[in-house]
Amino acid sequence: MPKGEAKEKIMANTKGLDKVEQIYRDTLKNKDNTVEKENLKLSWGGEFEFDAVVREKGEIVEIHCLTTANYKTISGNPGNSKLFKIFHDAQMMLLTGCKKCILAFADDEFYNKVLQEQKNGRFYPSSQISIKFWDLRTFGSERGLEIRSLIDETLEKSVNEN
């Protein structure tokens, strides 16, 4: 690369996951609240983007981080770096001061891994961070499979792009 020329950064196309996150936000909405993807201030001054910020009468009542990742890597090994990202997301949630913080998982294996870590005392207690499995079967078999396919296709494309 010639001197002074910036190296182009290649980002994975995750537009499919944006659609999935919107579907998730829509499941949280009711007549008494608003749910948006939003940057919130952290206690030490920075900001962090949360997948869903639920407000009632303008006040934040809960924040959500949704992970659509599979726990295992493409080679079938445990995804330790993925687990570290979950720890990071949980820490960012706690730094907002919000009383109700929820980590949601679309992958049951990942959900069960974090739940087991929590039960074994190696993850924030449920009094600080709630762990939720976003069961796509609740959409019915056809819609649930459509959402799962959208997740899988987007994740596969992002692996192949990098």
N, C-alpha and C. Protein backbone atom coordinates (compact mmCIF):
# COMPACT_ATOMS: atom_id res chain seq x y z
N MET A 1 0.86 -1.17 0.00
CA MET A 1 0.00 0.00 0.00
C MET A 1 0.90 1.23 0.00
N PRO A 2 0.63 2.20 -0.91
CA PRO A 2 1.44 3.41 -0.96
C PRO A 2 1.35 4.21 0.34
N LYS A 3 2.46 4.90 0.62
CA LYS A 3 2.53 5.69 1.85
C LYS A 3 1.41 6.74 1.87
N GLY A 4 0.78 6.87 3.02
CA GLY A 4 -0.28 7.85 3.17
C GLY A 4 -1.65 7.37 2.74
N GLU A 5 -1.72 6.22 2.07
CA GLU A 5 -3.01 5.71 1.62
C GLU A 5 -3.65 4.92 2.76
N ALA A 6 -4.86 5.26 3.08
CA ALA A 6 -5.56 4.57 4.17
C ALA A 6 -5.99 3.19 3.72
N LYS A 7 -5.80 2.25 4.59
CA LYS A 7 -6.26 0.88 4.32
C LYS A 7 -7.77 0.85 4.50
N GLU A 8 -8.47 0.32 3.50
CA GLU A 8 -9.92 0.23 3.57
C GLU A 8 -10.32 -0.82 4.59
N LYS A 9 -11.21 -0.42 5.47
CA LYS A 9 -11.70 -1.34 6.48
C LYS A 9 -12.95 -2.03 5.95
N ILE A 10 -12.93 -3.34 5.97
CA ILE A 10 -14.07 -4.11 5.48
C ILE A 10 -14.95 -4.48 6.66
N MET A 11 -16.20 -4.09 6.58
CA MET A 11 -17.16 -4.40 7.62
C MET A 11 -18.14 -5.44 7.09
N ALA A 12 -18.52 -6.35 7.93
CA ALA A 12 -19.50 -7.35 7.54
C ALA A 12 -20.86 -6.69 7.35
N ASN A 13 -21.61 -7.18 6.38
CA ASN A 13 -22.95 -6.70 6.12
C ASN A 13 -23.91 -7.37 7.10
N THR A 14 -24.43 -6.60 8.02
CA THR A 14 -25.31 -7.16 9.05
C THR A 14 -26.72 -6.58 8.97
N LYS A 15 -27.13 -6.14 7.78
CA LYS A 15 -28.46 -5.56 7.62
C LYS A 15 -29.55 -6.55 8.06
N GLY A 16 -29.32 -7.84 7.83
CA GLY A 16 -30.29 -8.84 8.25
C GLY A 16 -30.47 -8.84 9.76
N LEU A 17 -29.38 -8.63 10.49
CA LEU A 17 -29.47 -8.60 11.95
C LEU A 17 -30.19 -7.34 12.43
N ASP A 18 -30.07 -6.24 11.68
CA ASP A 18 -30.83 -5.03 12.02
C ASP A 18 -32.33 -5.33 11.96
N LYS A 19 -32.74 -6.10 10.96
CA LYS A 19 -34.15 -6.49 10.84
C LYS A 19 -34.57 -7.37 12.02
N VAL A 20 -33.71 -8.29 12.39
CA VAL A 20 -34.00 -9.19 13.52
C VAL A 20 -34.11 -8.39 14.81
N GLU A 21 -33.21 -7.43 15.02
CA GLU A 21 -33.28 -6.59 16.22
C GLU A 21 -34.59 -5.80 16.26
N GLN A 22 -35.05 -5.33 15.09
CA GLN A 22 -36.32 -4.59 15.05
C GLN A 22 -37.48 -5.51 15.41
N ILE A 23 -37.45 -6.74 14.93
CA ILE A 23 -38.49 -7.71 15.30
C ILE A 23 -38.48 -7.92 16.81
N TYR A 24 -37.28 -8.05 17.38
CA TYR A 24 -37.17 -8.21 18.83
C TYR A 24 -37.78 -7.01 19.55
N ARG A 25 -37.41 -5.80 19.11
CA ARG A 25 -37.96 -4.60 19.75
C ARG A 25 -39.49 -4.58 19.66
N ASP A 26 -40.00 -4.99 18.51
CA ASP A 26 -41.45 -5.00 18.33
C ASP A 26 -42.14 -5.94 19.32
N THR A 27 -41.46 -7.02 19.71
CA THR A 27 -42.08 -7.95 20.68
C THR A 27 -42.16 -7.34 22.08
N LEU A 28 -41.37 -6.31 22.34
CA LEU A 28 -41.34 -5.67 23.66
C LEU A 28 -42.35 -4.52 23.78
N LYS A 29 -42.84 -4.06 22.64
CA LYS A 29 -43.72 -2.89 22.64
C LYS A 29 -45.11 -3.24 23.14
N ASN A 30 -45.68 -2.27 23.84
CA ASN A 30 -47.10 -2.34 24.20
C ASN A 30 -47.64 -0.91 24.19
N LYS A 31 -48.90 -0.75 24.53
CA LYS A 31 -49.52 0.58 24.45
C LYS A 31 -48.94 1.59 25.43
N ASP A 32 -48.25 1.10 26.46
CA ASP A 32 -47.74 1.99 27.51
C ASP A 32 -46.26 2.32 27.39
N ASN A 33 -45.59 1.83 26.35
CA ASN A 33 -44.15 2.07 26.29
C ASN A 33 -43.68 2.40 24.88
N THR A 34 -42.43 2.82 24.81
CA THR A 34 -41.73 2.97 23.54
C THR A 34 -40.47 2.12 23.65
N VAL A 35 -40.04 1.57 22.53
CA VAL A 35 -38.84 0.73 22.51
C VAL A 35 -38.00 1.14 21.31
N GLU A 36 -36.78 1.56 21.57
CA GLU A 36 -35.88 2.02 20.51
C GLU A 36 -34.47 1.51 20.74
N LYS A 37 -33.70 1.41 19.65
CA LYS A 37 -32.26 1.21 19.74
C LYS A 37 -31.71 2.58 20.13
N GLU A 38 -30.82 2.60 21.12
CA GLU A 38 -30.44 3.92 21.63
C GLU A 38 -29.06 3.87 22.29
N ASN A 39 -28.33 4.98 22.15
CA ASN A 39 -27.09 5.18 22.89
C ASN A 39 -27.45 5.76 24.25
N LEU A 40 -26.89 5.17 25.31
CA LEU A 40 -27.10 5.69 26.65
C LEU A 40 -25.76 6.07 27.26
N LYS A 41 -25.80 7.09 28.11
CA LYS A 41 -24.59 7.52 28.81
C LYS A 41 -24.22 6.50 29.88
N LEU A 42 -22.92 6.30 30.02
CA LEU A 42 -22.38 5.41 31.04
C LEU A 42 -21.89 6.25 32.22
N SER A 43 -21.86 5.65 33.38
CA SER A 43 -21.49 6.40 34.59
C SER A 43 -20.10 7.02 34.50
N TRP A 44 -19.22 6.46 33.69
CA TRP A 44 -17.87 7.04 33.61
C TRP A 44 -17.71 8.00 32.44
N GLY A 45 -18.86 8.33 31.78
CA GLY A 45 -18.84 9.41 30.79
C GLY A 45 -19.06 9.04 29.35
N GLY A 46 -18.75 7.82 28.96
CA GLY A 46 -18.92 7.44 27.57
C GLY A 46 -20.36 7.08 27.25
N GLU A 47 -20.56 6.53 26.07
CA GLU A 47 -21.87 6.06 25.65
C GLU A 47 -21.76 4.65 25.10
N PHE A 48 -22.89 3.95 25.11
CA PHE A 48 -22.95 2.60 24.56
C PHE A 48 -24.32 2.43 23.91
N GLU A 49 -24.34 1.77 22.73
CA GLU A 49 -25.59 1.54 22.03
C GLU A 49 -26.23 0.23 22.49
N PHE A 50 -27.48 0.32 22.91
CA PHE A 50 -28.23 -0.84 23.36
C PHE A 50 -29.27 -1.21 22.31
N ASP A 51 -29.49 -2.49 22.16
CA ASP A 51 -30.41 -2.98 21.12
C ASP A 51 -31.85 -2.58 21.39
N ALA A 52 -32.22 -2.47 22.66
CA ALA A 52 -33.58 -2.06 23.01
C ALA A 52 -33.57 -1.31 24.34
N VAL A 53 -34.10 -0.10 24.29
CA VAL A 53 -34.28 0.71 25.49
C VAL A 53 -35.79 0.92 25.63
N VAL A 54 -36.32 0.42 26.72
CA VAL A 54 -37.77 0.48 26.94
C VAL A 54 -38.05 1.66 27.87
N ARG A 55 -38.95 2.53 27.42
CA ARG A 55 -39.33 3.70 28.21
C ARG A 55 -40.84 3.69 28.45
N GLU A 56 -41.20 4.06 29.66
CA GLU A 56 -42.60 4.29 30.01
C GLU A 56 -42.70 5.70 30.56
N LYS A 57 -43.58 6.49 29.97
CA LYS A 57 -43.74 7.90 30.36
C LYS A 57 -42.40 8.64 30.30
N GLY A 58 -41.59 8.28 29.32
CA GLY A 58 -40.31 8.94 29.11
C GLY A 58 -39.16 8.43 29.96
N GLU A 59 -39.45 7.63 30.96
CA GLU A 59 -38.42 7.10 31.86
C GLU A 59 -37.95 5.72 31.39
N ILE A 60 -36.64 5.49 31.45
CA ILE A 60 -36.10 4.18 31.08
C ILE A 60 -36.49 3.18 32.17
N VAL A 61 -37.14 2.09 31.75
CA VAL A 61 -37.53 1.05 32.70
C VAL A 61 -36.73 -0.24 32.51
N GLU A 62 -36.20 -0.45 31.31
CA GLU A 62 -35.31 -1.60 31.09
C GLU A 62 -34.49 -1.40 29.83
N ILE A 63 -33.33 -2.07 29.83
CA ILE A 63 -32.47 -2.06 28.64
C ILE A 63 -32.15 -3.51 28.29
N HIS A 64 -32.01 -3.74 26.98
CA HIS A 64 -31.76 -5.08 26.47
C HIS A 64 -30.56 -5.09 25.53
N CYS A 65 -29.79 -6.14 25.61
CA CYS A 65 -28.80 -6.48 24.59
C CYS A 65 -29.22 -7.83 24.04
N LEU A 66 -29.34 -7.91 22.73
CA LEU A 66 -29.73 -9.15 22.06
C LEU A 66 -28.51 -9.73 21.37
N THR A 67 -28.26 -11.01 21.60
CA THR A 67 -27.21 -11.66 20.83
C THR A 67 -27.84 -12.74 19.96
N THR A 68 -27.49 -12.68 18.69
CA THR A 68 -27.98 -13.67 17.73
C THR A 68 -26.89 -14.69 17.41
N ALA A 69 -25.71 -14.49 17.98
CA ALA A 69 -24.57 -15.37 17.70
C ALA A 69 -24.80 -16.77 18.27
N ASN A 70 -24.21 -17.73 17.61
CA ASN A 70 -24.16 -19.09 18.14
C ASN A 70 -23.00 -19.16 19.12
N TYR A 71 -23.14 -19.97 20.17
CA TYR A 71 -22.06 -20.07 21.15
C TYR A 71 -20.81 -20.69 20.55
N LYS A 72 -20.98 -21.73 19.77
CA LYS A 72 -19.82 -22.41 19.19
C LYS A 72 -19.33 -21.68 17.94
N THR A 73 -18.04 -21.78 17.71
CA THR A 73 -17.44 -21.20 16.51
C THR A 73 -17.78 -22.06 15.31
N ILE A 74 -17.42 -21.59 14.14
CA ILE A 74 -17.68 -22.32 12.90
C ILE A 74 -16.99 -23.69 12.91
N SER A 75 -15.88 -23.80 13.67
CA SER A 75 -15.17 -25.08 13.74
C SER A 75 -15.69 -25.97 14.86
N GLY A 76 -16.72 -25.50 15.59
CA GLY A 76 -17.33 -26.32 16.63
C GLY A 76 -16.74 -26.15 18.02
N ASN A 77 -15.79 -25.23 18.17
CA ASN A 77 -15.17 -24.98 19.48
C ASN A 77 -16.00 -23.98 20.29
N PRO A 78 -15.86 -24.01 21.61
CA PRO A 78 -16.56 -23.01 22.43
C PRO A 78 -16.13 -21.61 22.04
N GLY A 79 -17.08 -20.71 21.99
CA GLY A 79 -16.81 -19.33 21.58
C GLY A 79 -16.44 -18.45 22.75
N ASN A 80 -15.24 -18.63 23.28
CA ASN A 80 -14.83 -17.86 24.46
C ASN A 80 -14.82 -16.36 24.21
N SER A 81 -14.40 -15.93 23.02
CA SER A 81 -14.40 -14.49 22.74
C SER A 81 -15.83 -13.97 22.67
N LYS A 82 -16.75 -14.81 22.23
CA LYS A 82 -18.16 -14.42 22.21
C LYS A 82 -18.67 -14.26 23.64
N LEU A 83 -18.23 -15.13 24.52
CA LEU A 83 -18.62 -15.05 25.92
C LEU A 83 -18.06 -13.78 26.56
N PHE A 84 -16.83 -13.41 26.21
CA PHE A 84 -16.24 -12.17 26.73
C PHE A 84 -17.04 -10.95 26.28
N LYS A 85 -17.57 -10.99 25.05
CA LYS A 85 -18.39 -9.89 24.57
C LYS A 85 -19.67 -9.76 25.41
N ILE A 86 -20.22 -10.89 25.82
CA ILE A 86 -21.41 -10.88 26.66
C ILE A 86 -21.08 -10.24 28.02
N PHE A 87 -19.92 -10.59 28.58
CA PHE A 87 -19.48 -9.95 29.83
C PHE A 87 -19.37 -8.44 29.64
N HIS A 88 -18.81 -8.03 28.51
CA HIS A 88 -18.66 -6.61 28.21
C HIS A 88 -20.02 -5.93 28.11
N ASP A 89 -20.95 -6.54 27.38
CA ASP A 89 -22.29 -5.96 27.25
C ASP A 89 -22.96 -5.82 28.61
N ALA A 90 -22.81 -6.84 29.45
CA ALA A 90 -23.40 -6.81 30.79
C ALA A 90 -22.81 -5.66 31.60
N GLN A 91 -21.50 -5.49 31.52
CA GLN A 91 -20.85 -4.41 32.25
C GLN A 91 -21.36 -3.05 31.77
N MET A 92 -21.52 -2.90 30.45
CA MET A 92 -22.04 -1.64 29.91
C MET A 92 -23.45 -1.38 30.43
N MET A 93 -24.26 -2.42 30.52
CA MET A 93 -25.62 -2.27 31.04
C MET A 93 -25.58 -1.73 32.48
N LEU A 94 -24.73 -2.32 33.29
CA LEU A 94 -24.65 -1.92 34.69
C LEU A 94 -24.15 -0.49 34.85
N LEU A 95 -23.34 -0.04 33.91
CA LEU A 95 -22.81 1.31 33.97
C LEU A 95 -23.83 2.39 33.61
N THR A 96 -25.04 1.98 33.21
CA THR A 96 -26.10 2.96 32.93
C THR A 96 -26.88 3.32 34.18
N GLY A 97 -26.83 2.44 35.19
CA GLY A 97 -27.62 2.66 36.39
C GLY A 97 -29.06 2.19 36.27
N CYS A 98 -29.41 1.60 35.13
CA CYS A 98 -30.76 1.10 34.94
C CYS A 98 -31.01 -0.09 35.88
N LYS A 99 -32.19 -0.15 36.44
CA LYS A 99 -32.51 -1.20 37.42
C LYS A 99 -32.84 -2.54 36.76
N LYS A 100 -33.30 -2.54 35.50
CA LYS A 100 -33.67 -3.79 34.84
C LYS A 100 -32.85 -3.96 33.56
N CYS A 101 -31.87 -4.84 33.63
CA CYS A 101 -30.96 -5.11 32.51
C CYS A 101 -31.18 -6.54 32.04
N ILE A 102 -31.41 -6.71 30.74
CA ILE A 102 -31.74 -8.03 30.21
C ILE A 102 -30.83 -8.37 29.03
N LEU A 103 -30.19 -9.52 29.13
CA LEU A 103 -29.43 -10.10 28.02
C LEU A 103 -30.32 -11.15 27.38
N ALA A 104 -30.60 -11.01 26.10
CA ALA A 104 -31.45 -11.95 25.40
C ALA A 104 -30.63 -12.72 24.37
N PHE A 105 -30.91 -14.01 24.27
CA PHE A 105 -30.17 -14.89 23.36
C PHE A 105 -31.13 -15.58 22.41
N ALA A 106 -30.79 -15.57 21.12
CA ALA A 106 -31.57 -16.31 20.13
C ALA A 106 -31.05 -17.74 19.99
N ASP A 107 -29.86 -18.01 20.50
CA ASP A 107 -29.25 -19.35 20.43
C ASP A 107 -29.39 -20.01 21.80
N ASP A 108 -30.09 -21.14 21.85
CA ASP A 108 -30.34 -21.78 23.15
C ASP A 108 -29.07 -22.29 23.81
N GLU A 109 -28.09 -22.72 23.03
CA GLU A 109 -26.84 -23.19 23.61
C GLU A 109 -26.08 -22.05 24.30
N PHE A 110 -26.07 -20.88 23.66
CA PHE A 110 -25.41 -19.71 24.24
C PHE A 110 -26.17 -19.27 25.50
N TYR A 111 -27.48 -19.24 25.42
CA TYR A 111 -28.31 -18.90 26.58
C TYR A 111 -27.99 -19.83 27.75
N ASN A 112 -27.98 -21.14 27.49
CA ASN A 112 -27.71 -22.11 28.56
C ASN A 112 -26.31 -21.96 29.12
N LYS A 113 -25.32 -21.64 28.30
CA LYS A 113 -23.94 -21.44 28.77
C LYS A 113 -23.87 -20.27 29.74
N VAL A 114 -24.46 -19.13 29.36
CA VAL A 114 -24.40 -17.95 30.23
C VAL A 114 -25.23 -18.18 31.49
N LEU A 115 -26.36 -18.84 31.36
CA LEU A 115 -27.18 -19.16 32.53
C LEU A 115 -26.41 -20.04 33.50
N GLN A 116 -25.67 -21.02 32.97
CA GLN A 116 -24.86 -21.90 33.83
C GLN A 116 -23.73 -21.11 34.49
N GLU A 117 -23.10 -20.21 33.77
CA GLU A 117 -22.06 -19.35 34.35
C GLU A 117 -22.65 -18.53 35.50
N GLN A 118 -23.85 -18.01 35.28
CA GLN A 118 -24.51 -17.23 36.33
C GLN A 118 -24.82 -18.09 37.56
N LYS A 119 -25.33 -19.28 37.32
CA LYS A 119 -25.65 -20.19 38.43
C LYS A 119 -24.40 -20.60 39.21
N ASN A 120 -23.27 -20.69 38.52
CA ASN A 120 -22.01 -21.08 39.15
C ASN A 120 -21.25 -19.90 39.76
N GLY A 121 -21.86 -18.71 39.71
CA GLY A 121 -21.24 -17.54 40.32
C GLY A 121 -20.12 -16.93 39.50
N ARG A 122 -20.08 -17.22 38.20
CA ARG A 122 -19.03 -16.66 37.34
C ARG A 122 -19.57 -15.63 36.36
N PHE A 123 -20.77 -15.15 36.66
CA PHE A 123 -21.40 -14.10 35.85
C PHE A 123 -22.25 -13.28 36.80
N TYR A 124 -22.54 -12.05 36.44
CA TYR A 124 -23.34 -11.17 37.27
C TYR A 124 -24.60 -11.89 37.76
N PRO A 125 -24.99 -11.68 39.01
CA PRO A 125 -26.18 -12.37 39.54
C PRO A 125 -27.46 -11.89 38.84
N SER A 126 -28.49 -12.73 38.91
CA SER A 126 -29.76 -12.39 38.26
C SER A 126 -30.40 -11.13 38.84
N SER A 127 -30.01 -10.75 40.04
CA SER A 127 -30.52 -9.49 40.61
C SER A 127 -29.97 -8.28 39.86
N GLN A 128 -28.86 -8.47 39.13
CA GLN A 128 -28.27 -7.38 38.35
C GLN A 128 -28.54 -7.52 36.86
N ILE A 129 -28.40 -8.74 36.33
CA ILE A 129 -28.58 -9.00 34.91
C ILE A 129 -29.51 -10.19 34.74
N SER A 130 -30.63 -9.97 34.06
CA SER A 130 -31.54 -11.08 33.74
C SER A 130 -31.12 -11.70 32.42
N ILE A 131 -31.21 -13.02 32.37
CA ILE A 131 -30.85 -13.76 31.15
C ILE A 131 -32.14 -14.33 30.58
N LYS A 132 -32.34 -14.11 29.28
CA LYS A 132 -33.60 -14.49 28.64
C LYS A 132 -33.31 -15.23 27.34
N PHE A 133 -34.06 -16.30 27.11
CA PHE A 133 -33.99 -17.00 25.83
C PHE A 133 -35.11 -16.46 24.96
N TRP A 134 -34.75 -15.92 23.81
CA TRP A 134 -35.74 -15.42 22.86
C TRP A 134 -36.15 -16.59 21.98
N ASP A 135 -37.20 -17.25 22.37
CA ASP A 135 -37.65 -18.47 21.70
C ASP A 135 -38.40 -18.11 20.42
N LEU A 136 -37.76 -18.34 19.29
CA LEU A 136 -38.34 -17.99 18.01
C LEU A 136 -39.55 -18.85 17.66
N ARG A 137 -39.71 -19.96 18.38
CA ARG A 137 -40.88 -20.83 18.12
C ARG A 137 -42.17 -20.15 18.51
N THR A 138 -42.10 -19.12 19.35
CA THR A 138 -43.31 -18.42 19.75
C THR A 138 -43.95 -17.67 18.57
N PHE A 139 -43.21 -17.49 17.49
CA PHE A 139 -43.73 -16.82 16.30
C PHE A 139 -44.51 -17.78 15.40
N GLY A 140 -44.54 -19.06 15.77
CA GLY A 140 -45.10 -20.07 14.88
C GLY A 140 -43.99 -20.64 14.04
N SER A 141 -44.19 -21.82 13.54
CA SER A 141 -43.09 -22.52 12.87
C SER A 141 -42.59 -21.78 11.64
N GLU A 142 -43.47 -21.25 10.81
CA GLU A 142 -43.03 -20.60 9.57
C GLU A 142 -42.29 -19.29 9.84
N ARG A 143 -42.86 -18.42 10.65
CA ARG A 143 -42.23 -17.12 10.95
C ARG A 143 -40.96 -17.32 11.78
N GLY A 144 -40.99 -18.24 12.74
CA GLY A 144 -39.80 -18.52 13.54
C GLY A 144 -38.65 -19.02 12.68
N LEU A 145 -38.96 -19.92 11.73
CA LEU A 145 -37.93 -20.43 10.82
C LEU A 145 -37.40 -19.31 9.91
N GLU A 146 -38.29 -18.42 9.52
CA GLU A 146 -37.88 -17.29 8.67
C GLU A 146 -36.88 -16.39 9.41
N ILE A 147 -37.17 -16.09 10.67
CA ILE A 147 -36.27 -15.26 11.48
C ILE A 147 -34.95 -15.99 11.71
N ARG A 148 -35.02 -17.28 12.06
CA ARG A 148 -33.80 -18.07 12.27
C ARG A 148 -32.96 -18.10 11.01
N SER A 149 -33.60 -18.26 9.85
CA SER A 149 -32.88 -18.27 8.57
C SER A 149 -32.20 -16.94 8.30
N LEU A 150 -32.89 -15.86 8.61
CA LEU A 150 -32.32 -14.52 8.44
C LEU A 150 -31.08 -14.36 9.30
N ILE A 151 -31.15 -14.82 10.54
CA ILE A 151 -29.99 -14.77 11.43
C ILE A 151 -28.85 -15.60 10.86
N ASP A 152 -29.14 -16.86 10.51
CA ASP A 152 -28.10 -17.77 10.03
C ASP A 152 -27.45 -17.28 8.74
N GLU A 153 -28.27 -16.79 7.81
CA GLU A 153 -27.73 -16.28 6.54
C GLU A 153 -26.82 -15.08 6.77
N THR A 154 -27.25 -14.17 7.64
CA THR A 154 -26.45 -12.97 7.91
C THR A 154 -25.13 -13.33 8.60
N LEU A 155 -25.20 -14.25 9.58
CA LEU A 155 -23.97 -14.67 10.26
C LEU A 155 -23.03 -15.39 9.31
N GLU A 156 -23.58 -16.22 8.43
CA GLU A 156 -22.75 -16.93 7.46
C GLU A 156 -22.06 -15.97 6.50
N LYS A 157 -22.82 -14.96 6.03
CA LYS A 157 -22.24 -13.95 5.14
C LYS A 157 -21.12 -13.19 5.83
N SER A 158 -21.33 -12.83 7.11
CA SER A 158 -20.31 -12.04 7.82
C SER A 158 -19.05 -12.86 8.03
N VAL A 159 -19.18 -14.18 8.25
CA VAL A 159 -18.01 -15.06 8.40
C VAL A 159 -17.26 -15.13 7.08
N ASN A 160 -17.99 -15.24 5.98
CA ASN A 160 -17.37 -15.36 4.66
C ASN A 160 -16.76 -14.06 4.18
N GLU A 161 -17.25 -12.91 4.68
CA GLU A 161 -16.72 -11.62 4.27
C GLU A 161 -15.40 -11.30 4.96
N ASN A 162 -15.16 -11.88 6.13
CA ASN A 162 -13.95 -11.53 6.90
C ASN A 162 -12.85 -12.50 6.73
